[in-house]
Amino acid sequence: KYILNILTSKDKIRTKKFLGNNVTLFRHIECDDKTTKGKPDPSRIIKIMKNLKANKSQCVYIGDTNIDYQTAKNSNIDFIFVLWGYGKRYNNKYKCKKFSDILKILKYFED
């Protein structure tokens, strides 16, 4: 039902190692390659949206740091903050304490 993509500051080797067999769950994986601007620059989010032929209203960025929040904001897309990661951004409109919360929040965007 959802098209999953990854935007990460990790390089391709570390990302694929981390994902293992789960790499096939994602349509597009955008890794740091030292040649393009990194987060919070919106260009890599825009690249993913162009590849998917998606508009901003169809996209939600899920992240765990303030840099992720800034990336979503700079890209003009909604953001869901997950509390189990590296950052501490507690004033975001959408927050998740556990993975199942993400699915509940995504239902909100379907309406």
PDB file of N, CA and C in Angstrom:
ATOM      1  N   LYS A   1       0.815  -1.197   0.000  1.00  0.00           N
ATOM      2  CA  LYS A   1       0.000   0.000   0.000  1.00  0.00           C
ATOM      3  C   LYS A   1       0.859   1.262   0.000  1.00  0.00           C
ATOM      4  N   TYR A   2       1.996   1.218   0.674  1.00  0.00           N
ATOM      5  CA  TYR A   2       2.907   2.348   0.721  1.00  0.00           C
ATOM      6  C   TYR A   2       4.160   2.015  -0.067  1.00  0.00           C
ATOM      7  N   ILE A   3       4.738   3.037  -0.682  1.00  0.00           N
ATOM      8  CA  ILE A   3       6.012   2.864  -1.366  1.00  0.00           C
ATOM      9  C   ILE A   3       7.084   3.382  -0.417  1.00  0.00           C
ATOM     10  N   LEU A   4       7.966   2.495  -0.016  1.00  0.00           N
ATOM     11  CA  LEU A   4       8.999   2.843   0.943  1.00  0.00           C
ATOM     12  C   LEU A   4      10.290   3.219   0.230  1.00  0.00           C
ATOM     13  N   ASN A   5      10.932   4.249   0.730  1.00  0.00           N
ATOM     14  CA  ASN A   5      12.201   4.739   0.197  1.00  0.00           C
ATOM     15  C   ASN A   5      13.085   5.103   1.373  1.00  0.00           C
ATOM     16  N   ILE A   6      14.359   5.170   1.128  1.00  0.00           N
ATOM     17  CA  ILE A   6      15.290   5.560   2.178  1.00  0.00           C
ATOM     18  C   ILE A   6      16.158   6.710   1.683  1.00  0.00           C
ATOM     19  N   LEU A   7      16.310   7.703   2.549  1.00  0.00           N
ATOM     20  CA  LEU A   7      17.307   8.759   2.372  1.00  0.00           C
ATOM     21  C   LEU A   7      18.188   8.682   3.607  1.00  0.00           C
ATOM     22  N   THR A   8      19.451   8.393   3.425  1.00  0.00           N
ATOM     23  CA  THR A   8      20.349   8.219   4.562  1.00  0.00           C
ATOM     24  C   THR A   8      21.671   8.945   4.335  1.00  0.00           C
ATOM     25  N   SER A   9      22.292   9.313   5.444  1.00  0.00           N
ATOM     26  CA  SER A   9      23.623   9.913   5.385  1.00  0.00           C
ATOM     27  C   SER A   9      24.709   8.841   5.349  1.00  0.00           C
ATOM     28  N   LYS A  10      24.306   7.596   5.473  1.00  0.00           N
ATOM     29  CA  LYS A  10      25.271   6.495   5.417  1.00  0.00           C
ATOM     30  C   LYS A  10      25.644   6.206   3.963  1.00  0.00           C
ATOM     31  N   ASP A  11      26.827   5.640   3.764  1.00  0.00           N
ATOM     32  CA  ASP A  11      27.218   5.267   2.408  1.00  0.00           C
ATOM     33  C   ASP A  11      26.490   3.987   1.983  1.00  0.00           C
ATOM     34  N   LYS A  12      26.596   3.671   0.701  1.00  0.00           N
ATOM     35  CA  LYS A  12      25.864   2.548   0.124  1.00  0.00           C
ATOM     36  C   LYS A  12      26.258   1.204   0.760  1.00  0.00           C
ATOM     37  N   ILE A  13      27.531   1.004   1.024  1.00  0.00           N
ATOM     38  CA  ILE A  13      27.998  -0.268   1.593  1.00  0.00           C
ATOM     39  C   ILE A  13      27.410  -0.479   2.981  1.00  0.00           C
ATOM     40  N   ARG A  14      27.504   0.527   3.846  1.00  0.00           N
ATOM     41  CA  ARG A  14      26.941   0.408   5.204  1.00  0.00           C
ATOM     42  C   ARG A  14      25.439   0.235   5.171  1.00  0.00           C
ATOM     43  N   THR A  15      24.767   0.942   4.280  1.00  0.00           N
ATOM     44  CA  THR A  15      23.311   0.866   4.195  1.00  0.00           C
ATOM     45  C   THR A  15      22.868  -0.530   3.782  1.00  0.00           C
ATOM     46  N   LYS A  16      23.479  -1.076   2.745  1.00  0.00           N
ATOM     47  CA  LYS A  16      23.098  -2.419   2.289  1.00  0.00           C
ATOM     48  C   LYS A  16      23.416  -3.478   3.343  1.00  0.00           C
ATOM     49  N   LYS A  17      24.521  -3.305   4.052  1.00  0.00           N
ATOM     50  CA  LYS A  17      24.882  -4.242   5.118  1.00  0.00           C
ATOM     51  C   LYS A  17      23.842  -4.180   6.239  1.00  0.00           C
ATOM     52  N   PHE A  18      23.439  -2.971   6.611  1.00  0.00           N
ATOM     53  CA  PHE A  18      22.446  -2.781   7.662  1.00  0.00           C
ATOM     54  C   PHE A  18      21.090  -3.375   7.261  1.00  0.00           C
ATOM     55  N   LEU A  19      20.678  -3.143   6.019  1.00  0.00           N
ATOM     56  CA  LEU A  19      19.363  -3.606   5.566  1.00  0.00           C
ATOM     57  C   LEU A  19      19.323  -5.111   5.300  1.00  0.00           C
ATOM     58  N   GLY A  20      20.437  -5.672   4.873  1.00  0.00           N
ATOM     59  CA  GLY A  20      20.469  -7.110   4.575  1.00  0.00           C
ATOM     60  C   GLY A  20      19.417  -7.474   3.542  1.00  0.00           C
ATOM     61  N   ASN A  21      18.664  -8.525   3.806  1.00  0.00           N
ATOM     62  CA  ASN A  21      17.611  -8.989   2.881  1.00  0.00           C
ATOM     63  C   ASN A  21      16.444  -8.015   2.787  1.00  0.00           C
ATOM     64  N   ASN A  22      16.335  -7.081   3.719  1.00  0.00           N
ATOM     65  CA  ASN A  22      15.240  -6.114   3.699  1.00  0.00           C
ATOM     66  C   ASN A  22      15.407  -5.041   2.630  1.00  0.00           C
ATOM     67  N   VAL A  23      16.541  -5.034   1.962  1.00  0.00           N
ATOM     68  CA  VAL A  23      16.794  -4.031   0.923  1.00  0.00           C
ATOM     69  C   VAL A  23      15.705  -4.061  -0.148  1.00  0.00           C
ATOM     70  N   THR A  24      15.103  -5.196  -0.378  1.00  0.00           N
ATOM     71  CA  THR A  24      14.070  -5.324  -1.419  1.00  0.00           C
ATOM     72  C   THR A  24      12.749  -4.662  -1.035  1.00  0.00           C
ATOM     73  N   LEU A  25      12.597  -4.264   0.219  1.00  0.00           N
ATOM     74  CA  LEU A  25      11.371  -3.589   0.656  1.00  0.00           C
ATOM     75  C   LEU A  25      11.286  -2.153   0.140  1.00  0.00           C
ATOM     76  N   PHE A  26      12.411  -1.621  -0.326  1.00  0.00           N
ATOM     77  CA  PHE A  26      12.487  -0.205  -0.669  1.00  0.00           C
ATOM     78  C   PHE A  26      12.624   0.001  -2.172  1.00  0.00           C
ATOM     79  N   ARG A  27      11.813   0.900  -2.683  1.00  0.00           N
ATOM     80  CA  ARG A  27      11.828   1.203  -4.112  1.00  0.00           C
ATOM     81  C   ARG A  27      13.087   1.965  -4.492  1.00  0.00           C
ATOM     82  N   HIS A  28      13.448   2.920  -3.651  1.00  0.00           N
ATOM     83  CA  HIS A  28      14.598   3.766  -3.950  1.00  0.00           C
ATOM     84  C   HIS A  28      15.390   3.983  -2.664  1.00  0.00           C
ATOM     85  N   ILE A  29      16.703   3.816  -2.741  1.00  0.00           N
ATOM     86  CA  ILE A  29      17.576   4.054  -1.597  1.00  0.00           C
ATOM     87  C   ILE A  29      18.603   5.097  -2.013  1.00  0.00           C
ATOM     88  N   GLU A  30      18.546   6.229  -1.347  1.00  0.00           N
ATOM     89  CA  GLU A  30      19.432   7.355  -1.648  1.00  0.00           C
ATOM     90  C   GLU A  30      20.458   7.463  -0.530  1.00  0.00           C
ATOM     91  N   CYS A  31      21.704   7.108  -0.834  1.00  0.00           N
ATOM     92  CA  CYS A  31      22.794   7.104   0.141  1.00  0.00           C
ATOM     93  C   CYS A  31      23.720   8.293  -0.079  1.00  0.00           C
ATOM     94  N   ASP A  32      24.489   8.597   0.962  1.00  0.00           N
ATOM     95  CA  ASP A  32      25.500   9.638   0.844  1.00  0.00           C
ATOM     96  C   ASP A  32      26.569   9.167  -0.128  1.00  0.00           C
ATOM     97  N   ASP A  33      26.892  10.008  -1.074  1.00  0.00           N
ATOM     98  CA  ASP A  33      27.907   9.629  -2.063  1.00  0.00           C
ATOM     99  C   ASP A  33      29.027  10.664  -2.160  1.00  0.00           C
ATOM    100  N   LYS A  34      29.027  11.627  -1.252  1.00  0.00           N
ATOM    101  CA  LYS A  34      30.058  12.680  -1.183  1.00  0.00           C
ATOM    102  C   LYS A  34      30.073  13.603  -2.397  1.00  0.00           C
ATOM    103  N   THR A  35      29.175  13.397  -3.377  1.00  0.00           N
ATOM    104  CA  THR A  35      29.141  14.278  -4.548  1.00  0.00           C
ATOM    105  C   THR A  35      27.895  15.161  -4.562  1.00  0.00           C
ATOM    106  N   THR A  36      26.863  14.780  -3.819  1.00  0.00           N
ATOM    107  CA  THR A  36      25.636  15.574  -3.764  1.00  0.00           C
ATOM    108  C   THR A  36      25.498  16.175  -2.375  1.00  0.00           C
ATOM    109  N   LYS A  37      24.711  17.221  -2.277  1.00  0.00           N
ATOM    110  CA  LYS A  37      24.490  17.856  -0.985  1.00  0.00           C
ATOM    111  C   LYS A  37      23.751  16.887  -0.070  1.00  0.00           C
ATOM    112  N   GLY A  38      24.115  16.920   1.181  1.00  0.00           N
ATOM    113  CA  GLY A  38      23.471  16.059   2.165  1.00  0.00           C
ATOM    114  C   GLY A  38      22.296  16.732   2.835  1.00  0.00           C
ATOM    115  N   LYS A  39      21.698  16.028   3.767  1.00  0.00           N
ATOM    116  CA  LYS A  39      20.610  16.582   4.547  1.00  0.00           C
ATOM    117  C   LYS A  39      21.127  17.783   5.330  1.00  0.00           C
ATOM    118  N   PRO A  40      20.370  18.824   5.474  1.00  0.00           N
ATOM    119  CA  PRO A  40      18.946  19.005   5.226  1.00  0.00           C
ATOM    120  C   PRO A  40      18.592  19.584   3.859  1.00  0.00           C
ATOM    121  N   ASP A  41      19.525  19.575   2.919  1.00  0.00           N
ATOM    122  CA  ASP A  41      19.231  20.049   1.568  1.00  0.00           C
ATOM    123  C   ASP A  41      18.121  19.179   0.965  1.00  0.00           C
ATOM    124  N   PRO A  42      17.121  19.775   0.335  1.00  0.00           N
ATOM    125  CA  PRO A  42      15.980  19.010  -0.180  1.00  0.00           C
ATOM    126  C   PRO A  42      16.216  18.295  -1.517  1.00  0.00           C
ATOM    127  N   SER A  43      17.364  18.484  -2.139  1.00  0.00           N
ATOM    128  CA  SER A  43      17.552  17.977  -3.506  1.00  0.00           C
ATOM    129  C   SER A  43      17.419  16.456  -3.616  1.00  0.00           C
ATOM    130  N   ARG A  44      17.849  15.716  -2.617  1.00  0.00           N
ATOM    131  CA  ARG A  44      17.760  14.253  -2.722  1.00  0.00           C
ATOM    132  C   ARG A  44      16.333  13.760  -2.484  1.00  0.00           C
ATOM    133  N   ILE A  45      15.564  14.472  -1.659  1.00  0.00           N
ATOM    134  CA  ILE A  45      14.132  14.148  -1.512  1.00  0.00           C
ATOM    135  C   ILE A  45      13.438  14.428  -2.839  1.00  0.00           C
ATOM    136  N   ILE A  46      13.747  15.545  -3.436  1.00  0.00           N
ATOM    137  CA  ILE A  46      13.143  15.906  -4.726  1.00  0.00           C
ATOM    138  C   ILE A  46      13.504  14.857  -5.786  1.00  0.00           C
ATOM    139  N   LYS A  47      14.736  14.369  -5.764  1.00  0.00           N
ATOM    140  CA  LYS A  47      15.151  13.321  -6.696  1.00  0.00           C
ATOM    141  C   LYS A  47      14.301  12.060  -6.523  1.00  0.00           C
ATOM    142  N   ILE A  48      14.058  11.664  -5.277  1.00  0.00           N
ATOM    143  CA  ILE A  48      13.225  10.488  -5.007  1.00  0.00           C
ATOM    144  C   ILE A  48      11.809  10.721  -5.527  1.00  0.00           C
ATOM    145  N   MET A  49      11.250  11.903  -5.250  1.00  0.00           N
ATOM    146  CA  MET A  49       9.886  12.195  -5.699  1.00  0.00           C
ATOM    147  C   MET A  49       9.792  12.179  -7.219  1.00  0.00           C
ATOM    148  N   LYS A  50      10.798  12.715  -7.899  1.00  0.00           N
ATOM    149  CA  LYS A  50      10.796  12.695  -9.370  1.00  0.00           C
ATOM    150  C   LYS A  50      10.849  11.261  -9.888  1.00  0.00           C
ATOM    151  N   ASN A  51      11.693  10.436  -9.282  1.00  0.00           N
ATOM    152  CA  ASN A  51      11.777   9.027  -9.708  1.00  0.00           C
ATOM    153  C   ASN A  51      10.451   8.301  -9.534  1.00  0.00           C
ATOM    154  N   LEU A  52       9.705   8.675  -8.508  1.00  0.00           N
ATOM    155  CA  LEU A  52       8.415   8.028  -8.222  1.00  0.00           C
ATOM    156  C   LEU A  52       7.249   8.716  -8.925  1.00  0.00           C
ATOM    157  N   LYS A  53       7.522   9.874  -9.527  1.00  0.00           N
ATOM    158  CA  LYS A  53       6.454  10.707 -10.103  1.00  0.00           C
ATOM    159  C   LYS A  53       5.406  11.023  -9.036  1.00  0.00           C
ATOM    160  N   ALA A  54       5.899  11.373  -7.853  1.00  0.00           N
ATOM    161  CA  ALA A  54       5.043  11.686  -6.706  1.00  0.00           C
ATOM    162  C   ALA A  54       5.077  13.180  -6.435  1.00  0.00           C
ATOM    163  N   ASN A  55       3.982  13.695  -5.903  1.00  0.00           N
ATOM    164  CA  ASN A  55       3.983  15.089  -5.487  1.00  0.00           C
ATOM    165  C   ASN A  55       4.140  15.166  -3.973  1.00  0.00           C
ATOM    166  N   LYS A  56       4.383  16.347  -3.472  1.00  0.00           N
ATOM    167  CA  LYS A  56       4.691  16.535  -2.056  1.00  0.00           C
ATOM    168  C   LYS A  56       3.572  16.070  -1.137  1.00  0.00           C
ATOM    169  N   SER A  57       2.340  16.221  -1.568  1.00  0.00           N
ATOM    170  CA  SER A  57       1.221  15.812  -0.716  1.00  0.00           C
ATOM    171  C   SER A  57       1.130  14.295  -0.563  1.00  0.00           C
ATOM    172  N   GLN A  58       1.825  13.549  -1.403  1.00  0.00           N
ATOM    173  CA  GLN A  58       1.821  12.091  -1.328  1.00  0.00           C
ATOM    174  C   GLN A  58       2.980  11.542  -0.503  1.00  0.00           C
ATOM    175  N   CYS A  59       3.809  12.417   0.023  1.00  0.00           N
ATOM    176  CA  CYS A  59       5.043  11.989   0.689  1.00  0.00           C
ATOM    177  C   CYS A  59       5.042  12.353   2.172  1.00  0.00           C
ATOM    178  N   VAL A  60       5.631  11.475   2.953  1.00  0.00           N
ATOM    179  CA  VAL A  60       5.850  11.698   4.378  1.00  0.00           C
ATOM    180  C   VAL A  60       7.267  11.245   4.692  1.00  0.00           C
ATOM    181  N   TYR A  61       8.000  12.072   5.374  1.00  0.00           N
ATOM    182  CA  TYR A  61       9.366  11.740   5.782  1.00  0.00           C
ATOM    183  C   TYR A  61       9.309  11.246   7.223  1.00  0.00           C
ATOM    184  N   ILE A  62       9.891  10.087   7.481  1.00  0.00           N
ATOM    185  CA  ILE A  62       9.963   9.530   8.831  1.00  0.00           C
ATOM    186  C   ILE A  62      11.423   9.552   9.251  1.00  0.00           C
ATOM    187  N   GLY A  63      11.716  10.197  10.379  1.00  0.00           N
ATOM    188  CA  GLY A  63      13.097  10.310  10.802  1.00  0.00           C
ATOM    189  C   GLY A  63      13.255  10.399  12.305  1.00  0.00           C
ATOM    190  N   ASP A  64      14.518  10.406  12.736  1.00  0.00           N
ATOM    191  CA  ASP A  64      14.805  10.366  14.170  1.00  0.00           C
ATOM    192  C   ASP A  64      15.744  11.472  14.640  1.00  0.00           C
ATOM    193  N   THR A  65      15.975  12.479  13.814  1.00  0.00           N
ATOM    194  CA  THR A  65      16.846  13.584  14.215  1.00  0.00           C
ATOM    195  C   THR A  65      16.250  14.919  13.779  1.00  0.00           C
ATOM    196  N   ASN A  66      16.772  15.967  14.348  1.00  0.00           N
ATOM    197  CA  ASN A  66      16.355  17.305  13.939  1.00  0.00           C
ATOM    198  C   ASN A  66      16.754  17.578  12.490  1.00  0.00           C
ATOM    199  N   ILE A  67      17.854  17.000  12.042  1.00  0.00           N
ATOM    200  CA  ILE A  67      18.270  17.151  10.634  1.00  0.00           C
ATOM    201  C   ILE A  67      17.214  16.530   9.714  1.00  0.00           C
ATOM    202  N   ASP A  68      16.653  15.399  10.107  1.00  0.00           N
ATOM    203  CA  ASP A  68      15.574  14.788   9.321  1.00  0.00           C
ATOM    204  C   ASP A  68      14.364  15.719   9.268  1.00  0.00           C
ATOM    205  N   TYR A  69      14.027  16.298  10.409  1.00  0.00           N
ATOM    206  CA  TYR A  69      12.923  17.257  10.452  1.00  0.00           C
ATOM    207  C   TYR A  69      13.189  18.426   9.513  1.00  0.00           C
ATOM    208  N   GLN A  70      14.404  18.972   9.558  1.00  0.00           N
ATOM    209  CA  GLN A  70      14.761  20.100   8.694  1.00  0.00           C
ATOM    210  C   GLN A  70      14.712  19.704   7.217  1.00  0.00           C
ATOM    211  N   THR A  71      15.117  18.480   6.917  1.00  0.00           N
ATOM    212  CA  THR A  71      15.069  17.986   5.535  1.00  0.00           C
ATOM    213  C   THR A  71      13.632  17.951   5.035  1.00  0.00           C
ATOM    214  N   ALA A  72      12.734  17.427   5.855  1.00  0.00           N
ATOM    215  CA  ALA A  72      11.317  17.391   5.479  1.00  0.00           C
ATOM    216  C   ALA A  72      10.765  18.797   5.311  1.00  0.00           C
ATOM    217  N   LYS A  73      11.089  19.656   6.243  1.00  0.00           N
ATOM    218  CA  LYS A  73      10.617  21.045   6.184  1.00  0.00           C
ATOM    219  C   LYS A  73      11.130  21.732   4.921  1.00  0.00           C
ATOM    220  N   ASN A  74      12.421  21.563   4.625  1.00  0.00           N
ATOM    221  CA  ASN A  74      13.006  22.174   3.425  1.00  0.00           C
ATOM    222  C   ASN A  74      12.424  21.583   2.147  1.00  0.00           C
ATOM    223  N   SER A  75      11.919  20.358   2.234  1.00  0.00           N
ATOM    224  CA  SER A  75      11.313  19.687   1.081  1.00  0.00           C
ATOM    225  C   SER A  75       9.812  19.962   0.985  1.00  0.00           C
ATOM    226  N   ASN A  76       9.281  20.627   2.007  1.00  0.00           N
ATOM    227  CA  ASN A  76       7.858  20.963   2.049  1.00  0.00           C
ATOM    228  C   ASN A  76       6.962  19.721   2.125  1.00  0.00           C
ATOM    229  N   ILE A  77       7.405  18.718   2.877  1.00  0.00           N
ATOM    230  CA  ILE A  77       6.589  17.520   3.066  1.00  0.00           C
ATOM    231  C   ILE A  77       6.387  17.282   4.563  1.00  0.00           C
ATOM    232  N   ASP A  78       5.356  16.502   4.892  1.00  0.00           N
ATOM    233  CA  ASP A  78       5.064  16.188   6.286  1.00  0.00           C
ATOM    234  C   ASP A  78       6.163  15.334   6.888  1.00  0.00           C
ATOM    235  N   PHE A  79       6.257  15.381   8.222  1.00  0.00           N
ATOM    236  CA  PHE A  79       7.317  14.682   8.939  1.00  0.00           C
ATOM    237  C   PHE A  79       6.740  13.930  10.131  1.00  0.00           C
ATOM    238  N   ILE A  80       7.188  12.706  10.318  1.00  0.00           N
ATOM    239  CA  ILE A  80       6.862  11.908  11.500  1.00  0.00           C
ATOM    240  C   ILE A  80       8.169  11.659  12.243  1.00  0.00           C
ATOM    241  N   PHE A  81       8.191  12.055  13.516  1.00  0.00           N
ATOM    242  CA  PHE A  81       9.389  11.864  14.326  1.00  0.00           C
ATOM    243  C   PHE A  81       9.274  10.576  15.130  1.00  0.00           C
ATOM    244  N   VAL A  82      10.312   9.728  15.058  1.00  0.00           N
ATOM    245  CA  VAL A  82      10.334   8.504  15.853  1.00  0.00           C
ATOM    246  C   VAL A  82      11.256   8.725  17.052  1.00  0.00           C
ATOM    247  N   LEU A  83      10.755   8.399  18.225  1.00  0.00           N
ATOM    248  CA  LEU A  83      11.439   8.700  19.471  1.00  0.00           C
ATOM    249  C   LEU A  83      12.542   7.710  19.830  1.00  0.00           C
ATOM    250  N   TRP A  84      12.649   6.597  19.120  1.00  0.00           N
ATOM    251  CA  TRP A  84      13.640   5.584  19.493  1.00  0.00           C
ATOM    252  C   TRP A  84      14.983   5.775  18.800  1.00  0.00           C
ATOM    253  N   GLY A  85      15.157   6.848  18.094  1.00  0.00           N
ATOM    254  CA  GLY A  85      16.389   7.063  17.343  1.00  0.00           C
ATOM    255  C   GLY A  85      17.387   7.931  18.070  1.00  0.00           C
ATOM    256  N   TYR A  86      18.104   8.750  17.309  1.00  0.00           N
ATOM    257  CA  TYR A  86      19.224   9.533  17.825  1.00  0.00           C
ATOM    258  C   TYR A  86      18.827  10.908  18.342  1.00  0.00           C
ATOM    259  N   GLY A  87      17.756  11.476  17.837  1.00  0.00           N
ATOM    260  CA  GLY A  87      17.457  12.872  18.137  1.00  0.00           C
ATOM    261  C   GLY A  87      16.456  13.055  19.250  1.00  0.00           C
ATOM    262  N   LYS A  88      16.242  14.319  19.596  1.00  0.00           N
ATOM    263  CA  LYS A  88      15.267  14.684  20.617  1.00  0.00           C
ATOM    264  C   LYS A  88      14.466  15.869  20.109  1.00  0.00           C
ATOM    265  N   ARG A  89      13.463  15.590  19.323  1.00  0.00           N
ATOM    266  CA  ARG A  89      12.587  16.639  18.812  1.00  0.00           C
ATOM    267  C   ARG A  89      11.182  16.307  19.286  1.00  0.00           C
ATOM    268  N   TYR A  90      10.817  16.793  20.432  1.00  0.00           N
ATOM    269  CA  TYR A  90       9.564  16.403  21.066  1.00  0.00           C
ATOM    270  C   TYR A  90       8.394  17.305  20.720  1.00  0.00           C
ATOM    271  N   ASN A  91       8.617  18.404  20.032  1.00  0.00           N
ATOM    272  CA  ASN A  91       7.515  19.309  19.733  1.00  0.00           C
ATOM    273  C   ASN A  91       6.953  19.130  18.318  1.00  0.00           C
ATOM    274  N   ASN A  92       7.319  18.070  17.642  1.00  0.00           N
ATOM    275  CA  ASN A  92       6.781  17.813  16.313  1.00  0.00           C
ATOM    276  C   ASN A  92       5.325  17.360  16.423  1.00  0.00           C
ATOM    277  N   LYS A  93       4.517  17.690  15.451  1.00  0.00           N
ATOM    278  CA  LYS A  93       3.094  17.345  15.470  1.00  0.00           C
ATOM    279  C   LYS A  93       2.871  15.833  15.519  1.00  0.00           C
ATOM    280  N   TYR A  94       3.643  15.078  14.748  1.00  0.00           N
ATOM    281  CA  TYR A  94       3.479  13.626  14.673  1.00  0.00           C
ATOM    282  C   TYR A  94       4.688  12.949  15.309  1.00  0.00           C
ATOM    283  N   LYS A  95       4.441  12.172  16.377  1.00  0.00           N
ATOM    284  CA  LYS A  95       5.523  11.480  17.089  1.00  0.00           C
ATOM    285  C   LYS A  95       5.150  10.014  17.262  1.00  0.00           C
ATOM    286  N   CYS A  96       6.150   9.168  17.245  1.00  0.00           N
ATOM    287  CA  CYS A  96       5.930   7.736  17.425  1.00  0.00           C
ATOM    288  C   CYS A  96       6.819   7.214  18.539  1.00  0.00           C
ATOM    289  N   LYS A  97       6.214   6.477  19.457  1.00  0.00           N
ATOM    290  CA  LYS A  97       6.987   5.827  20.519  1.00  0.00           C
ATOM    291  C   LYS A  97       7.372   4.415  20.124  1.00  0.00           C
ATOM    292  N   LYS A  98       6.577   3.806  19.227  1.00  0.00           N
ATOM    293  CA  LYS A  98       6.871   2.452  18.759  1.00  0.00           C
ATOM    294  C   LYS A  98       6.484   2.356  17.283  1.00  0.00           C
ATOM    295  N   PHE A  99       7.001   1.332  16.635  1.00  0.00           N
ATOM    296  CA  PHE A  99       6.823   1.205  15.191  1.00  0.00           C
ATOM    297  C   PHE A  99       5.349   1.201  14.777  1.00  0.00           C
ATOM    298  N   SER A 100       4.503   0.542  15.543  1.00  0.00           N
ATOM    299  CA  SER A 100       3.087   0.460  15.169  1.00  0.00           C
ATOM    300  C   SER A 100       2.422   1.837  15.137  1.00  0.00           C
ATOM    301  N   ASP A 101       2.976   2.809  15.868  1.00  0.00           N
ATOM    302  CA  ASP A 101       2.429   4.170  15.827  1.00  0.00           C
ATOM    303  C   ASP A 101       2.551   4.785  14.439  1.00  0.00           C
ATOM    304  N   ILE A 102       3.587   4.409  13.703  1.00  0.00           N
ATOM    305  CA  ILE A 102       3.777   4.951  12.353  1.00  0.00           C
ATOM    306  C   ILE A 102       2.571   4.615  11.486  1.00  0.00           C
ATOM    307  N   LEU A 103       2.125   3.372  11.537  1.00  0.00           N
ATOM    308  CA  LEU A 103       0.979   2.956  10.719  1.00  0.00           C
ATOM    309  C   LEU A 103      -0.287   3.709  11.115  1.00  0.00           C
ATOM    310  N   LYS A 104      -0.467   3.954  12.389  1.00  0.00           N
ATOM    311  CA  LYS A 104      -1.636   4.719  12.848  1.00  0.00           C
ATOM    312  C   LYS A 104      -1.596   6.140  12.295  1.00  0.00           C
ATOM    313  N   ILE A 105      -0.437   6.759  12.351  1.00  0.00           N
ATOM    314  CA  ILE A 105      -0.306   8.129  11.853  1.00  0.00           C
ATOM    315  C   ILE A 105      -0.477   8.170  10.338  1.00  0.00           C
ATOM    316  N   LEU A 106       0.073   7.192   9.616  1.00  0.00           N
ATOM    317  CA  LEU A 106      -0.076   7.177   8.161  1.00  0.00           C
ATOM    318  C   LEU A 106      -1.542   7.073   7.748  1.00  0.00           C
ATOM    319  N   LYS A 107      -2.352   6.392   8.532  1.00  0.00           N
ATOM    320  CA  LYS A 107      -3.799   6.325   8.238  1.00  0.00           C
ATOM    321  C   LYS A 107      -4.405   7.723   8.214  1.00  0.00           C
ATOM    322  N   TYR A 108      -3.915   8.593   9.079  1.00  0.00           N
ATOM    323  CA  TYR A 108      -4.393   9.975   9.122  1.00  0.00           C
ATOM    324  C   TYR A 108      -4.177  10.664   7.778  1.00  0.00           C
ATOM    325  N   PHE A 109      -3.074  10.391   7.129  1.00  0.00           N
ATOM    326  CA  PHE A 109      -2.754  11.033   5.857  1.00  0.00           C
ATOM    327  C   PHE A 109      -3.608  10.504   4.709  1.00  0.00           C
ATOM    328  N   GLU A 110      -4.204   9.339   4.894  1.00  0.00           N
ATOM    329  CA  GLU A 110      -5.028   8.746   3.830  1.00  0.00           C
ATOM    330  C   GLU A 110      -6.377   9.448   3.707  1.00  0.00           C
ATOM    331  N   ASP A 111      -6.845  10.027   4.790  1.00  0.00           N
ATOM    332  CA  ASP A 111      -8.179  10.665   4.785  1.00  0.00           C
ATOM    333  C   ASP A 111      -8.194  11.979   4.048  1.00  0.00           C
TER     334      ASP A 111
END
